[in-house]
Amino acid sequence: ATLAFRRHLWSYGFGVAEAMDTAQRGMGLDYPTAR
């Protein structure tokens, strides 16, 4: 589901900014999972 959402954004012409604060970096997303 996570990758499907990125394909949704790419289909509209956007680039994806990955593993940043929107992805809960520092608020639930630990580094091994972020990597």
PDB file of all heavy atoms in Angstrom:
ATOM      1  N   ALA A   1       0.826  -1.208   0.000  1.00  0.00           N
ATOM      2  CA  ALA A   1       0.000   0.000   0.000  1.00  0.00           C
ATOM      3  C   ALA A   1       0.862   1.260   0.000  1.00  0.00           C
ATOM      4  O   ALA A   1       0.518   2.265  -0.640  1.00  0.00           O
ATOM      5  CB  ALA A   1      -0.928  -0.007   1.211  1.00  0.00           C
ATOM      6  N   THR A   2       1.987   1.213   0.697  1.00  0.00           N
ATOM      7  CA  THR A   2       2.892   2.364   0.739  1.00  0.00           C
ATOM      8  C   THR A   2       3.449   2.668  -0.644  1.00  0.00           C
ATOM      9  O   THR A   2       3.463   3.826  -1.087  1.00  0.00           O
ATOM     10  CB  THR A   2       4.032   2.092   1.732  1.00  0.00           C
ATOM     11  OG1 THR A   2       3.477   2.038   3.060  1.00  0.00           O
ATOM     12  CG2 THR A   2       5.090   3.168   1.683  1.00  0.00           C
ATOM     13  N   LEU A   3       3.886   1.648  -1.360  1.00  0.00           N
ATOM     14  CA  LEU A   3       4.431   1.868  -2.701  1.00  0.00           C
ATOM     15  C   LEU A   3       3.339   2.218  -3.699  1.00  0.00           C
ATOM     16  O   LEU A   3       3.567   3.001  -4.636  1.00  0.00           O
ATOM     17  CB  LEU A   3       5.212   0.645  -3.159  1.00  0.00           C
ATOM     18  CG  LEU A   3       6.482   0.362  -2.349  1.00  0.00           C
ATOM     19  CD1 LEU A   3       7.127  -0.941  -2.800  1.00  0.00           C
ATOM     20  CD2 LEU A   3       7.480   1.517  -2.461  1.00  0.00           C
ATOM     21  N   ALA A   4       2.145   1.685  -3.515  1.00  0.00           N
ATOM     22  CA  ALA A   4       1.026   2.043  -4.403  1.00  0.00           C
ATOM     23  C   ALA A   4       0.723   3.532  -4.295  1.00  0.00           C
ATOM     24  O   ALA A   4       0.404   4.186  -5.308  1.00  0.00           O
ATOM     25  CB  ALA A   4      -0.206   1.223  -4.059  1.00  0.00           C
ATOM     26  N   PHE A   5       0.819   4.093  -3.089  1.00  0.00           N
ATOM     27  CA  PHE A   5       0.564   5.525  -2.937  1.00  0.00           C
ATOM     28  C   PHE A   5       1.636   6.343  -3.653  1.00  0.00           C
ATOM     29  O   PHE A   5       1.345   7.381  -4.256  1.00  0.00           O
ATOM     30  CB  PHE A   5       0.501   5.909  -1.463  1.00  0.00           C
ATOM     31  CG  PHE A   5       0.071   7.329  -1.254  1.00  0.00           C
ATOM     32  CD1 PHE A   5      -1.240   7.712  -1.468  1.00  0.00           C
ATOM     33  CD2 PHE A   5       0.986   8.301  -0.869  1.00  0.00           C
ATOM     34  CE1 PHE A   5      -1.645   9.029  -1.307  1.00  0.00           C
ATOM     35  CE2 PHE A   5       0.600   9.616  -0.701  1.00  0.00           C
ATOM     36  CZ  PHE A   5      -0.725   9.983  -0.915  1.00  0.00           C
ATOM     37  N   ARG A   6       2.875   5.892  -3.634  1.00  0.00           N
ATOM     38  CA  ARG A   6       3.911   6.607  -4.373  1.00  0.00           C
ATOM     39  C   ARG A   6       3.663   6.541  -5.877  1.00  0.00           C
ATOM     40  O   ARG A   6       3.869   7.530  -6.587  1.00  0.00           O
ATOM     41  CB  ARG A   6       5.288   6.030  -4.013  1.00  0.00           C
ATOM     42  CG  ARG A   6       5.782   6.588  -2.668  1.00  0.00           C
ATOM     43  CD  ARG A   6       6.249   5.535  -1.719  1.00  0.00           C
ATOM     44  NE  ARG A   6       6.625   6.141  -0.442  1.00  0.00           N
ATOM     45  CZ  ARG A   6       5.745   6.443   0.540  1.00  0.00           C
ATOM     46  NH1 ARG A   6       4.445   6.170   0.389  1.00  0.00           N
ATOM     47  NH2 ARG A   6       6.152   7.027   1.672  1.00  0.00           N
ATOM     48  N   ARG A   7       3.191   5.414  -6.365  1.00  0.00           N
ATOM     49  CA  ARG A   7       2.866   5.329  -7.797  1.00  0.00           C
ATOM     50  C   ARG A   7       1.715   6.264  -8.150  1.00  0.00           C
ATOM     51  O   ARG A   7       1.689   6.839  -9.251  1.00  0.00           O
ATOM     52  CB  ARG A   7       2.540   3.879  -8.177  1.00  0.00           C
ATOM     53  CG  ARG A   7       3.753   2.950  -8.064  1.00  0.00           C
ATOM     54  CD  ARG A   7       3.461   1.560  -8.592  1.00  0.00           C
ATOM     55  NE  ARG A   7       4.622   0.684  -8.393  1.00  0.00           N
ATOM     56  CZ  ARG A   7       4.767  -0.158  -7.377  1.00  0.00           C
ATOM     57  NH1 ARG A   7       3.798  -0.281  -6.454  1.00  0.00           N
ATOM     58  NH2 ARG A   7       5.859  -0.895  -7.264  1.00  0.00           N
ATOM     59  N   HIS A   8       0.770   6.421  -7.244  1.00  0.00           N
ATOM     60  CA  HIS A   8      -0.306   7.394  -7.427  1.00  0.00           C
ATOM     61  C   HIS A   8       0.274   8.796  -7.607  1.00  0.00           C
ATOM     62  O   HIS A   8      -0.106   9.535  -8.536  1.00  0.00           O
ATOM     63  CB  HIS A   8      -1.250   7.330  -6.216  1.00  0.00           C
ATOM     64  CG  HIS A   8      -2.034   8.568  -5.943  1.00  0.00           C
ATOM     65  ND1 HIS A   8      -3.101   8.964  -6.720  1.00  0.00           N
ATOM     66  CD2 HIS A   8      -1.903   9.506  -4.957  1.00  0.00           C
ATOM     67  CE1 HIS A   8      -3.602  10.085  -6.234  1.00  0.00           C
ATOM     68  NE2 HIS A   8      -2.894  10.436  -5.168  1.00  0.00           N
ATOM     69  N   LEU A   9       1.224   9.200  -6.764  1.00  0.00           N
ATOM     70  CA  LEU A   9       1.815  10.530  -6.876  1.00  0.00           C
ATOM     71  C   LEU A   9       2.622  10.677  -8.159  1.00  0.00           C
ATOM     72  O   LEU A   9       2.549  11.699  -8.844  1.00  0.00           O
ATOM     73  CB  LEU A   9       2.699  10.805  -5.656  1.00  0.00           C
ATOM     74  CG  LEU A   9       1.969  10.892  -4.312  1.00  0.00           C
ATOM     75  CD1 LEU A   9       2.976  10.996  -3.175  1.00  0.00           C
ATOM     76  CD2 LEU A   9       0.999  12.068  -4.280  1.00  0.00           C
ATOM     77  N   TRP A  10       3.412   9.658  -8.494  1.00  0.00           N
ATOM     78  CA  TRP A  10       4.175   9.726  -9.739  1.00  0.00           C
ATOM     79  C   TRP A  10       3.255   9.821 -10.945  1.00  0.00           C
ATOM     80  O   TRP A  10       3.579  10.505 -11.926  1.00  0.00           O
ATOM     81  CB  TRP A  10       5.076   8.487  -9.856  1.00  0.00           C
ATOM     82  CG  TRP A  10       6.235   8.485  -8.915  1.00  0.00           C
ATOM     83  CD1 TRP A  10       6.990   9.561  -8.534  1.00  0.00           C
ATOM     84  CD2 TRP A  10       6.796   7.358  -8.235  1.00  0.00           C
ATOM     85  NE1 TRP A  10       7.970   9.168  -7.653  1.00  0.00           N
ATOM     86  CE2 TRP A  10       7.880   7.828  -7.455  1.00  0.00           C
ATOM     87  CE3 TRP A  10       6.494   5.985  -8.225  1.00  0.00           C
ATOM     88  CZ2 TRP A  10       8.659   6.968  -6.673  1.00  0.00           C
ATOM     89  CZ3 TRP A  10       7.264   5.138  -7.441  1.00  0.00           C
ATOM     90  CH2 TRP A  10       8.337   5.623  -6.673  1.00  0.00           C
ATOM     91  N   SER A  11       2.097   9.156 -10.905  1.00  0.00           N
ATOM     92  CA  SER A  11       1.188   9.178 -12.051  1.00  0.00           C
ATOM     93  C   SER A  11       0.667  10.580 -12.330  1.00  0.00           C
ATOM     94  O   SER A  11       0.274  10.889 -13.452  1.00  0.00           O
ATOM     95  CB  SER A  11       0.006   8.220 -11.823  1.00  0.00           C
ATOM     96  OG  SER A  11      -0.948   8.763 -10.930  1.00  0.00           O
ATOM     97  N   TYR A  12       0.657  11.432 -11.314  1.00  0.00           N
ATOM     98  CA  TYR A  12       0.222  12.815 -11.490  1.00  0.00           C
ATOM     99  C   TYR A  12       1.349  13.749 -11.889  1.00  0.00           C
ATOM    100  O   TYR A  12       1.129  14.945 -12.078  1.00  0.00           O
ATOM    101  CB  TYR A  12      -0.459  13.318 -10.217  1.00  0.00           C
ATOM    102  CG  TYR A  12      -1.907  12.907 -10.138  1.00  0.00           C
ATOM    103  CD1 TYR A  12      -2.280  11.728  -9.523  1.00  0.00           C
ATOM    104  CD2 TYR A  12      -2.904  13.691 -10.723  1.00  0.00           C
ATOM    105  CE1 TYR A  12      -3.606  11.333  -9.464  1.00  0.00           C
ATOM    106  CE2 TYR A  12      -4.227  13.308 -10.678  1.00  0.00           C
ATOM    107  CZ  TYR A  12      -4.579  12.130 -10.043  1.00  0.00           C
ATOM    108  OH  TYR A  12      -5.897  11.744 -10.006  1.00  0.00           O
ATOM    109  N   GLY A  13       2.567  13.257 -11.984  1.00  0.00           N
ATOM    110  CA  GLY A  13       3.685  14.086 -12.404  1.00  0.00           C
ATOM    111  C   GLY A  13       4.591  14.558 -11.289  1.00  0.00           C
ATOM    112  O   GLY A  13       5.579  15.247 -11.546  1.00  0.00           O
ATOM    113  N   PHE A  14       4.272  14.225 -10.048  1.00  0.00           N
ATOM    114  CA  PHE A  14       5.095  14.657  -8.916  1.00  0.00           C
ATOM    115  C   PHE A  14       6.294  13.740  -8.726  1.00  0.00           C
ATOM    116  O   PHE A  14       6.238  12.543  -9.008  1.00  0.00           O
ATOM    117  CB  PHE A  14       4.272  14.661  -7.626  1.00  0.00           C
ATOM    118  CG  PHE A  14       3.179  15.690  -7.612  1.00  0.00           C
ATOM    119  CD1 PHE A  14       1.871  15.333  -7.855  1.00  0.00           C
ATOM    120  CD2 PHE A  14       3.478  17.027  -7.382  1.00  0.00           C
ATOM    121  CE1 PHE A  14       0.860  16.281  -7.868  1.00  0.00           C
ATOM    122  CE2 PHE A  14       2.476  17.979  -7.393  1.00  0.00           C
ATOM    123  CZ  PHE A  14       1.167  17.610  -7.642  1.00  0.00           C
ATOM    124  N   GLY A  15       7.387  14.305  -8.200  1.00  0.00           N
ATOM    125  CA  GLY A  15       8.407  13.493  -7.595  1.00  0.00           C
ATOM    126  C   GLY A  15       7.968  13.147  -6.183  1.00  0.00           C
ATOM    127  O   GLY A  15       7.047  13.757  -5.634  1.00  0.00           O
ATOM    128  N   VAL A  16       8.629  12.181  -5.584  1.00  0.00           N
ATOM    129  CA  VAL A  16       8.338  11.796  -4.202  1.00  0.00           C
ATOM    130  C   VAL A  16       9.519  12.181  -3.326  1.00  0.00           C
ATOM    131  O   VAL A  16      10.668  11.874  -3.649  1.00  0.00           O
ATOM    132  CB  VAL A  16       8.037  10.288  -4.089  1.00  0.00           C
ATOM    133  CG1 VAL A  16       8.113   9.812  -2.644  1.00  0.00           C
ATOM    134  CG2 VAL A  16       6.664   9.971  -4.679  1.00  0.00           C
ATOM    135  N   ALA A  17       9.218  12.860  -2.221  1.00  0.00           N
ATOM    136  CA  ALA A  17      10.195  13.111  -1.171  1.00  0.00           C
ATOM    137  C   ALA A  17       9.986  12.038  -0.114  1.00  0.00           C
ATOM    138  O   ALA A  17       8.962  12.015   0.559  1.00  0.00           O
ATOM    139  CB  ALA A  17      10.016  14.501  -0.586  1.00  0.00           C
ATOM    140  N   GLU A  18      10.940  11.147  -0.024  1.00  0.00           N
ATOM    141  CA  GLU A  18      10.790   9.925   0.765  1.00  0.00           C
ATOM    142  C   GLU A  18      11.443  10.049   2.142  1.00  0.00           C
ATOM    143  O   GLU A  18      12.453  10.735   2.302  1.00  0.00           O
ATOM    144  CB  GLU A  18      11.410   8.743   0.002  1.00  0.00           C
ATOM    145  CG  GLU A  18      11.113   7.391   0.595  1.00  0.00           C
ATOM    146  CD  GLU A  18       9.618   7.170   0.759  1.00  0.00           C
ATOM    147  OE1 GLU A  18       9.060   7.599   1.787  1.00  0.00           O
ATOM    148  OE2 GLU A  18       9.016   6.577  -0.151  1.00  0.00           O
ATOM    149  N   ALA A  19      10.831   9.344   3.112  1.00  0.00           N
ATOM    150  CA  ALA A  19      11.401   9.182   4.452  1.00  0.00           C
ATOM    151  C   ALA A  19      11.715  10.518   5.108  1.00  0.00           C
ATOM    152  O   ALA A  19      12.742  10.683   5.767  1.00  0.00           O
ATOM    153  CB  ALA A  19      12.651   8.297   4.395  1.00  0.00           C
ATOM    154  N   MET A  20      10.789  11.460   4.941  1.00  0.00           N
ATOM    155  CA  MET A  20      10.948  12.762   5.578  1.00  0.00           C
ATOM    156  C   MET A  20       9.923  12.896   6.703  1.00  0.00           C
ATOM    157  O   MET A  20       9.374  11.910   7.169  1.00  0.00           O
ATOM    158  CB  MET A  20      10.876  13.859   4.532  1.00  0.00           C
ATOM    159  CG  MET A  20      11.995  13.724   3.512  1.00  0.00           C
ATOM    160  SD  MET A  20      12.217  15.128   2.431  1.00  0.00           S
ATOM    161  CE  MET A  20      12.626  16.422   3.581  1.00  0.00           C
ATOM    162  N   ASP A  21       9.653  14.120   7.168  1.00  0.00           N
ATOM    163  CA  ASP A  21       8.810  14.236   8.350  1.00  0.00           C
ATOM    164  C   ASP A  21       7.373  13.786   8.080  1.00  0.00           C
ATOM    165  O   ASP A  21       6.703  13.281   8.983  1.00  0.00           O
ATOM    166  CB  ASP A  21       8.846  15.649   8.933  1.00  0.00           C
ATOM    167  CG  ASP A  21       8.556  16.735   7.918  1.00  0.00           C
ATOM    168  OD1 ASP A  21       9.332  16.852   6.946  1.00  0.00           O
ATOM    169  OD2 ASP A  21       7.580  17.478   8.093  1.00  0.00           O
ATOM    170  N   THR A  22       6.888  13.910   6.835  1.00  0.00           N
ATOM    171  CA  THR A  22       5.542  13.415   6.533  1.00  0.00           C
ATOM    172  C   THR A  22       5.446  11.908   6.747  1.00  0.00           C
ATOM    173  O   THR A  22       4.383  11.394   7.106  1.00  0.00           O
ATOM    174  CB  THR A  22       5.141  13.767   5.086  1.00  0.00           C
ATOM    175  OG1 THR A  22       5.277  15.178   4.896  1.00  0.00           O
ATOM    176  CG2 THR A  22       3.710  13.362   4.791  1.00  0.00           C
ATOM    177  N   ALA A  23       6.528  11.193   6.530  1.00  0.00           N
ATOM    178  CA  ALA A  23       6.572   9.747   6.754  1.00  0.00           C
ATOM    179  C   ALA A  23       6.803   9.405   8.228  1.00  0.00           C
ATOM    180  O   ALA A  23       7.155   8.274   8.544  1.00  0.00           O
ATOM    181  CB  ALA A  23       7.658   9.111   5.894  1.00  0.00           C
ATOM    182  N   GLN A  24       6.583  10.395   9.109  1.00  0.00           N
ATOM    183  CA  GLN A  24       6.709  10.223  10.555  1.00  0.00           C
ATOM    184  C   GLN A  24       8.141   9.991  11.001  1.00  0.00           C
ATOM    185  O   GLN A  24       8.398   9.307  11.987  1.00  0.00           O
ATOM    186  CB  GLN A  24       5.782   9.125  11.087  1.00  0.00           C
ATOM    187  CG  GLN A  24       4.306   9.425  10.903  1.00  0.00           C
ATOM    188  CD  GLN A  24       3.431   8.301  11.414  1.00  0.00           C
ATOM    189  OE1 GLN A  24       2.658   7.733  10.669  1.00  0.00           O
ATOM    190  NE2 GLN A  24       3.544   7.973  12.695  1.00  0.00           N
ATOM    191  N   ARG A  25       9.075  10.567  10.266  1.00  0.00           N
ATOM    192  CA  ARG A  25      10.472  10.502  10.687  1.00  0.00           C
ATOM    193  C   ARG A  25      10.599  11.196  12.036  1.00  0.00           C
ATOM    194  O   ARG A  25      10.254  12.366  12.192  1.00  0.00           O
ATOM    195  CB  ARG A  25      11.345  11.184   9.628  1.00  0.00           C
ATOM    196  CG  ARG A  25      12.810  10.818   9.689  1.00  0.00           C
ATOM    197  CD  ARG A  25      13.039   9.417   9.125  1.00  0.00           C
ATOM    198  NE  ARG A  25      14.450   9.078   9.173  1.00  0.00           N
ATOM    199  CZ  ARG A  25      15.279   9.252   8.141  1.00  0.00           C
ATOM    200  NH1 ARG A  25      14.840   9.754   6.997  1.00  0.00           N
ATOM    201  NH2 ARG A  25      16.548   8.890   8.248  1.00  0.00           N
ATOM    202  N   GLY A  26      11.051  10.470  13.035  1.00  0.00           N
ATOM    203  CA  GLY A  26      11.150  11.015  14.372  1.00  0.00           C
ATOM    204  C   GLY A  26       9.852  10.984  15.152  1.00  0.00           C
ATOM    205  O   GLY A  26       9.807  11.404  16.307  1.00  0.00           O
ATOM    206  N   MET A  27       8.788  10.472  14.559  1.00  0.00           N
ATOM    207  CA  MET A  27       7.491  10.369  15.239  1.00  0.00           C
ATOM    208  C   MET A  27       6.849   9.019  14.933  1.00  0.00           C
ATOM    209  O   MET A  27       5.673   8.947  14.592  1.00  0.00           O
ATOM    210  CB  MET A  27       6.558  11.514  14.833  1.00  0.00           C
ATOM    211  CG  MET A  27       6.982  12.877  15.340  1.00  0.00           C
ATOM    212  SD  MET A  27       5.762  14.177  15.013  1.00  0.00           S
ATOM    213  CE  MET A  27       4.452  13.728  16.171  1.00  0.00           C
ATOM    214  N   GLY A  28       7.644   7.966  15.021  1.00  0.00           N
ATOM    215  CA  GLY A  28       7.109   6.628  14.814  1.00  0.00           C
ATOM    216  C   GLY A  28       7.868   5.792  13.811  1.00  0.00           C
ATOM    217  O   GLY A  28       7.834   4.564  13.871  1.00  0.00           O
ATOM    218  N   LEU A  29       8.561   6.437  12.844  1.00  0.00           N
ATOM    219  CA  LEU A  29       9.319   5.697  11.834  1.00  0.00           C
ATOM    220  C   LEU A  29      10.769   5.594  12.284  1.00  0.00           C
ATOM    221  O   LEU A  29      11.492   6.585  12.292  1.00  0.00           O
ATOM    222  CB  LEU A  29       9.233   6.392  10.474  1.00  0.00           C
ATOM    223  CG  LEU A  29       9.806   5.590   9.308  1.00  0.00           C
ATOM    224  CD1 LEU A  29       8.879   4.433   8.934  1.00  0.00           C
ATOM    225  CD2 LEU A  29      10.034   6.486   8.095  1.00  0.00           C
ATOM    226  N   ASP A  30      11.201   4.415  12.686  1.00  0.00           N
ATOM    227  CA  ASP A  30      12.575   4.211  13.126  1.00  0.00           C
ATOM    228  C   ASP A  30      13.509   4.113  11.926  1.00  0.00           C
ATOM    229  O   ASP A  30      13.068   3.883  10.794  1.00  0.00           O
ATOM    230  CB  ASP A  30      12.666   2.934  13.963  1.00  0.00           C
ATOM    231  CG  ASP A  30      12.109   1.723  13.232  1.00  0.00           C
ATOM    232  OD1 ASP A  30      10.871   1.574  13.196  1.00  0.00           O
ATOM    233  OD2 ASP A  30      12.905   0.947  12.669  1.00  0.00           O
ATOM    234  N   TYR A  31      14.825   4.279  12.165  1.00  0.00           N
ATOM    235  CA  TYR A  31      15.734   4.337  11.019  1.00  0.00           C
ATOM    236  C   TYR A  31      15.836   3.044  10.226  1.00  0.00           C
ATOM    237  O   TYR A  31      15.874   3.091   8.989  1.00  0.00           O
ATOM    238  CB  TYR A  31      17.143   4.829  11.403  1.00  0.00           C
ATOM    239  CG  TYR A  31      17.966   4.957  10.150  1.00  0.00           C
ATOM    240  CD1 TYR A  31      17.567   5.844   9.150  1.00  0.00           C
ATOM    241  CD2 TYR A  31      19.045   4.127   9.901  1.00  0.00           C
ATOM    242  CE1 TYR A  31      18.259   5.938   7.953  1.00  0.00           C
ATOM    243  CE2 TYR A  31      19.741   4.214   8.707  1.00  0.00           C
ATOM    244  CZ  TYR A  31      19.337   5.115   7.729  1.00  0.00           C
ATOM    245  OH  TYR A  31      19.997   5.192   6.538  1.00  0.00           O
ATOM    246  N   PRO A  32      15.904   1.845  10.827  1.00  0.00           N
ATOM    247  CA  PRO A  32      15.948   0.644   9.986  1.00  0.00           C
ATOM    248  C   PRO A  32      14.773   0.567   9.005  1.00  0.00           C
ATOM    249  O   PRO A  32      14.949   0.184   7.842  1.00  0.00           O
ATOM    250  CB  PRO A  32      15.910  -0.495  11.006  1.00  0.00           C
ATOM    251  CG  PRO A  32      16.545   0.071  12.225  1.00  0.00           C
ATOM    252  CD  PRO A  32      16.070   1.505  12.273  1.00  0.00           C
ATOM    253  N   THR A  33      13.583   0.957   9.449  1.00  0.00           N
ATOM    254  CA  THR A  33      12.429   0.945   8.545  1.00  0.00           C
ATOM    255  C   THR A  33      12.551   2.055   7.507  1.00  0.00           C
ATOM    256  O   THR A  33      12.201   1.868   6.341  1.00  0.00           O
ATOM    257  CB  THR A  33      11.124   1.087   9.342  1.00  0.00           C
ATOM    258  OG1 THR A  33      11.113   0.139  10.406  1.00  0.00           O
ATOM    259  CG2 THR A  33       9.921   0.841   8.453  1.00  0.00           C
ATOM    260  N   ALA A  34      13.054   3.219   7.919  1.00  0.00           N
ATOM    261  CA  ALA A  34      13.247   4.313   6.963  1.00  0.00           C
ATOM    262  C   ALA A  34      14.239   3.912   5.875  1.00  0.00           C
ATOM    263  O   ALA A  34      14.039   4.217   4.688  1.00  0.00           O
ATOM    264  CB  ALA A  34      13.741   5.556   7.707  1.00  0.00           C
ATOM    265  N   ARG A  35      15.318   3.239   6.248  1.00  0.00           N
ATOM    266  CA  ARG A  35      16.310   2.795   5.260  1.00  0.00           C
ATOM    267  C   ARG A  35      15.685   1.821   4.267  1.00  0.00           C
ATOM    268  O   ARG A  35      15.908   1.915   3.051  1.00  0.00           O
ATOM    269  CB  ARG A  35      17.483   2.144   5.989  1.00  0.00           C
ATOM    270  CG  ARG A  35      18.612   1.667   5.072  1.00  0.00           C
ATOM    271  CD  ARG A  35      19.782   1.173   5.896  1.00  0.00           C
ATOM    272  NE  ARG A  35      19.357   0.158   6.851  1.00  0.00           N
ATOM    273  CZ  ARG A  35      19.908  -0.014   8.047  1.00  0.00           C
ATOM    274  NH1 ARG A  35      20.899   0.765   8.462  1.00  0.00           N
ATOM    275  NH2 ARG A  35      19.475  -0.966   8.852  1.00  0.00           N
TER     276      ARG A  35
END
